[in-house]
Amino acid sequence: MWTKGESEGLETLGIVVVVCSSLKLLHYLGLIDLSDDKIEDELEMTTVCHRPEGLEQLEAQTNFTKRELQVLYRGFKNECPSGVVNEETFKHIYAQFFPHGDASMYAHYLFNAFDTAQNGSVKFEDFVMALSILLRGTVHEKLRWTFNLYDINKDGYINKEEMMDIVKAIYDMMGKYTYPVLKEDAPRQHVEVFFQKMDKNKDGVVTLDEFIESCQEDDNIMRSLQLFENVM
């Protein structure tokens, strides 16, 4: 049986991993700086020579200024000269961040969440839209993005099979550093805890409204969503 503390940790594990690992990815690609250097230092540099079409439109669609978008685009182009990222790049990045586990499935699911057009590639615009939500979005926007990651088949519901796939992917990625220490049935117990908390009407699936309501009732989840609000 899980102790109270372990259960609370399991309920928020997925949310924290989504936020932290997504930001690690964005940092790796040069989109954000997680060091002590301030973004203002970057903003003093010369503007980029090449920028995506519709920069003004991106400014209107995100919570970033035009100058911030220029800095982000320069970093993105430095790391991704082709202007796009594919799934293999995600897997390569996460293999480096989690060398003691197998991050391939989690990278697959996260890539699908970023690949909003479902065309097998992620452009700068896709990254900026996600980054805007993860760093400066409302609580509802952040939770909606996370729900979309868990909703693997994009039918508007999270079922136990989907949640099991995500939880297994997270445990596999974290490897021997998983907390609490892995037991064979740990992923299934995690899923049961998730559904006990979030499946309000006990119909076997979690809707977006149920997910948002349950997360807003959890102080740990709310704190995790605020961890990186001042990164930029």
Protein backbone atom coordinates (compact mmCIF):
# COMPACT_ATOMS: atom_id res chain seq x y z
CA MET A 1 0.00 0.00 0.00
CA TRP A 2 1.10 3.55 -0.67
CA THR A 3 1.62 5.88 2.25
CA LYS A 4 -0.18 9.22 2.16
CA GLY A 5 2.98 11.05 1.13
CA GLU A 6 3.75 8.57 -1.64
CA SER A 7 0.21 8.82 -3.02
CA GLU A 8 0.36 12.60 -3.11
CA GLY A 9 3.70 12.39 -4.90
CA LEU A 10 2.33 9.96 -7.45
CA GLU A 11 -0.65 12.17 -8.18
CA THR A 12 1.60 15.03 -9.23
CA LEU A 13 4.50 13.08 -10.76
CA GLY A 14 3.17 13.30 -14.30
CA ILE A 15 2.49 17.03 -14.13
CA VAL A 16 5.95 17.82 -12.77
CA VAL A 17 7.69 15.61 -15.32
CA VAL A 18 5.72 17.22 -18.16
CA VAL A 19 6.74 20.72 -17.12
CA CYS A 20 10.35 20.00 -16.16
CA SER A 21 11.21 17.71 -19.05
CA SER A 22 9.56 20.00 -21.58
CA LEU A 23 11.62 22.90 -20.35
CA LYS A 24 14.80 20.79 -20.47
CA LEU A 25 14.02 20.11 -24.10
CA LEU A 26 13.48 23.79 -24.85
CA HIS A 27 16.69 24.71 -23.03
CA TYR A 28 18.65 22.11 -24.99
CA LEU A 29 17.40 23.56 -28.25
CA GLY A 30 18.52 27.04 -27.22
CA LEU A 31 15.02 28.42 -26.69
CA ILE A 32 15.39 29.30 -23.03
CA ASP A 33 18.28 29.86 -20.65
CA LEU A 34 18.02 27.98 -17.36
CA SER A 35 21.37 29.30 -16.09
CA ASP A 36 21.87 32.35 -13.89
CA ASP A 37 22.36 34.61 -16.91
CA LYS A 38 19.44 36.92 -17.53
CA ILE A 39 17.46 37.07 -20.74
CA GLU A 40 18.12 40.81 -20.84
CA ASP A 41 21.75 40.03 -21.69
CA GLU A 42 20.59 38.14 -24.75
CA LEU A 43 18.21 40.89 -25.74
CA GLU A 44 21.09 43.33 -25.99
CA MET A 45 22.64 41.27 -28.79
CA THR A 46 22.00 42.03 -32.42
CA THR A 47 18.71 40.88 -33.85
CA VAL A 48 18.54 37.74 -35.92
CA CYS A 49 19.26 37.84 -39.62
CA HIS A 50 16.49 35.39 -40.42
CA ARG A 51 13.19 35.08 -38.67
CA PRO A 52 9.98 33.16 -39.26
CA GLU A 53 7.30 34.62 -41.43
CA GLY A 54 4.57 36.35 -39.50
CA LEU A 55 6.63 37.43 -36.49
CA GLU A 56 3.96 39.99 -35.68
CA GLN A 57 1.33 37.25 -35.83
CA LEU A 58 3.36 35.10 -33.42
CA GLU A 59 3.63 38.06 -31.09
CA ALA A 60 -0.15 38.38 -31.13
CA GLN A 61 -0.66 34.65 -30.58
CA THR A 62 1.83 34.23 -27.71
CA ASN A 63 2.80 35.97 -24.50
CA PHE A 64 6.23 36.98 -25.86
CA THR A 65 7.42 40.33 -27.13
CA LYS A 66 8.87 40.75 -30.61
CA ARG A 67 12.39 41.05 -29.24
CA GLU A 68 12.00 37.93 -27.15
CA LEU A 69 10.79 36.04 -30.22
CA GLN A 70 13.87 37.20 -32.13
CA VAL A 71 16.17 35.87 -29.39
CA LEU A 72 14.27 32.58 -29.24
CA TYR A 73 14.44 32.18 -32.99
CA ARG A 74 18.18 32.80 -33.08
CA GLY A 75 18.71 30.06 -30.48
CA PHE A 76 16.41 27.68 -32.32
CA LYS A 77 18.16 28.19 -35.65
CA ASN A 78 21.58 27.74 -34.07
CA GLU A 79 20.59 24.31 -32.74
CA CYS A 80 18.23 23.34 -35.58
CA PRO A 81 19.53 24.86 -38.83
CA SER A 82 16.90 23.02 -40.86
CA GLY A 83 14.20 24.90 -38.99
CA VAL A 84 12.35 21.75 -37.90
CA VAL A 85 12.77 19.02 -35.29
CA ASN A 86 11.72 15.42 -35.86
CA GLU A 87 10.88 12.65 -33.40
CA GLU A 88 14.37 11.13 -33.55
CA THR A 89 15.78 14.44 -32.31
CA PHE A 90 13.43 14.32 -29.32
CA LYS A 91 14.57 10.78 -28.54
CA HIS A 92 18.23 11.74 -28.82
CA ILE A 93 17.77 14.71 -26.49
CA TYR A 94 15.93 12.72 -23.82
CA ALA A 95 18.40 9.84 -24.02
CA GLN A 96 21.04 12.35 -22.88
CA PHE A 97 18.91 13.82 -20.10
CA PHE A 98 17.90 10.41 -18.74
CA PRO A 99 20.90 8.10 -19.36
CA HIS A 100 19.82 5.62 -16.67
CA GLY A 101 16.45 4.92 -18.24
CA ASP A 102 14.72 4.46 -21.57
CA ALA A 103 13.17 7.76 -22.62
CA SER A 104 12.12 6.74 -26.13
CA MET A 105 8.39 6.26 -25.45
CA TYR A 106 8.06 9.41 -23.37
CA ALA A 107 9.87 11.35 -26.09
CA HIS A 108 7.40 9.88 -28.59
CA TYR A 109 4.37 11.06 -26.61
CA LEU A 110 5.87 14.48 -25.93
CA PHE A 111 6.76 14.91 -29.59
CA ASN A 112 3.14 14.19 -30.53
CA ALA A 113 2.01 16.90 -28.09
CA PHE A 114 4.33 19.45 -29.72
CA ASP A 115 3.49 18.28 -33.24
CA THR A 116 0.08 19.91 -33.28
CA ALA A 117 -0.26 19.51 -37.05
CA GLN A 118 0.55 15.80 -36.74
CA ASN A 119 2.86 15.97 -39.77
CA GLY A 120 5.95 14.41 -38.21
CA SER A 121 7.91 17.60 -37.63
CA VAL A 122 7.94 20.46 -35.14
CA LYS A 123 8.63 23.98 -36.37
CA PHE A 124 9.77 27.03 -34.45
CA GLU A 125 6.20 28.26 -34.33
CA ASP A 126 5.09 25.02 -32.63
CA PHE A 127 7.80 25.40 -29.98
CA VAL A 128 7.00 29.02 -29.30
CA MET A 129 3.31 28.32 -28.87
CA ALA A 130 4.05 25.49 -26.40
CA LEU A 131 6.68 27.53 -24.58
CA SER A 132 4.27 30.43 -24.22
CA ILE A 133 1.74 28.12 -22.58
CA LEU A 134 4.23 26.33 -20.31
CA LEU A 135 5.88 29.53 -19.07
CA ARG A 136 3.22 32.23 -19.27
CA GLY A 137 -0.08 30.54 -19.94
CA THR A 138 -3.02 30.52 -17.58
CA VAL A 139 -3.59 27.54 -15.31
CA HIS A 140 -6.30 26.32 -17.67
CA GLU A 141 -3.99 26.59 -20.67
CA LYS A 142 -1.19 24.66 -18.96
CA LEU A 143 -3.55 21.94 -17.81
CA ARG A 144 -5.21 21.72 -21.23
CA TRP A 145 -1.77 21.22 -22.81
CA THR A 146 -0.94 18.48 -20.31
CA PHE A 147 -4.31 16.81 -20.86
CA ASN A 148 -3.62 16.75 -24.57
CA LEU A 149 -0.33 14.93 -23.90
CA TYR A 150 -2.14 12.25 -21.87
CA ASP A 151 -4.98 11.95 -24.40
CA ILE A 152 -2.93 9.82 -26.77
CA ASN A 153 -5.67 9.04 -29.30
CA LYS A 154 -7.02 12.63 -29.16
CA ASP A 155 -10.64 11.59 -28.55
CA GLY A 156 -11.17 14.09 -25.73
CA TYR A 157 -10.88 11.56 -22.91
CA ILE A 158 -8.11 9.93 -20.90
CA ASN A 159 -8.76 6.24 -20.35
CA LYS A 160 -6.82 3.87 -18.12
CA GLU A 161 -4.90 2.34 -21.00
CA GLU A 162 -3.64 5.76 -22.13
CA MET A 163 -2.68 6.73 -18.60
CA MET A 164 -0.91 3.41 -18.13
CA ASP A 165 1.11 4.01 -21.30
CA ILE A 166 2.15 7.48 -20.11
CA VAL A 167 3.00 6.32 -16.59
CA LYS A 168 5.08 3.42 -17.87
CA ALA A 169 6.90 5.78 -20.21
CA ILE A 170 7.69 8.14 -17.31
CA TYR A 171 8.92 5.31 -15.07
CA ASP A 172 11.01 3.86 -17.90
CA MET A 173 12.52 7.27 -18.57
CA MET A 174 13.42 7.92 -14.93
CA GLY A 175 14.95 4.46 -14.59
CA LYS A 176 16.63 3.61 -11.31
CA TYR A 177 15.99 7.13 -9.97
CA THR A 178 12.23 6.63 -9.93
CA TYR A 179 10.64 7.54 -6.59
CA PRO A 180 9.16 5.68 -4.86
CA VAL A 181 11.35 2.68 -5.64
CA LEU A 182 9.72 0.72 -8.42
CA LYS A 183 7.64 -2.31 -7.67
CA GLU A 184 6.31 -4.44 -10.47
CA ASP A 185 2.76 -3.14 -10.07
CA ALA A 186 3.74 0.50 -9.38
CA PRO A 187 2.51 1.91 -12.71
CA ARG A 188 -0.90 0.27 -12.31
CA GLN A 189 -1.24 1.57 -8.75
CA HIS A 190 -0.31 5.04 -9.98
CA VAL A 191 -3.06 4.85 -12.59
CA GLU A 192 -5.58 3.74 -9.96
CA VAL A 193 -4.65 6.69 -7.75
CA PHE A 194 -5.01 9.01 -10.74
CA PHE A 195 -8.49 7.74 -11.59
CA GLN A 196 -9.71 7.66 -8.00
CA LYS A 197 -8.86 11.33 -7.78
CA MET A 198 -9.86 12.57 -11.22
CA ASP A 199 -12.69 10.38 -12.52
CA LYS A 200 -15.36 12.36 -10.71
CA ASN A 201 -18.40 10.53 -12.10
CA LYS A 202 -16.71 7.10 -12.07
CA ASP A 203 -17.45 6.35 -15.73
CA GLY A 204 -13.98 4.97 -16.45
CA VAL A 205 -12.62 7.98 -18.34
CA VAL A 206 -11.33 11.44 -17.36
CA THR A 207 -12.63 14.43 -19.29
CA LEU A 208 -10.83 17.75 -19.67
CA ASP A 209 -13.20 19.39 -17.18
CA GLU A 210 -12.60 16.63 -14.62
CA PHE A 211 -8.84 16.87 -15.14
CA ILE A 212 -8.76 20.65 -14.69
CA GLU A 213 -11.06 20.56 -11.65
CA SER A 214 -9.02 17.84 -9.93
CA CYS A 215 -5.68 19.51 -10.63
CA GLN A 216 -6.92 22.84 -9.30
CA GLU A 217 -7.87 21.09 -6.06
CA ASP A 218 -4.29 19.81 -5.62
CA ASP A 219 -1.88 22.32 -4.08
CA ASN A 220 1.15 20.31 -5.19
CA ILE A 221 0.07 20.42 -8.81
CA MET A 222 -0.67 24.13 -8.63
CA ARG A 223 2.79 24.79 -7.21
CA SER A 224 4.43 22.68 -9.90
CA LEU A 225 2.73 24.75 -12.60
CA GLN A 226 4.26 27.91 -11.15
CA LEU A 227 7.85 26.64 -10.90
CA PHE A 228 9.11 28.17 -14.13
CA GLU A 229 6.92 31.24 -14.58
CA ASN A 230 9.93 33.56 -14.19
CA VAL A 231 12.41 31.65 -16.38
CA MET A 232 12.23 34.40 -18.97
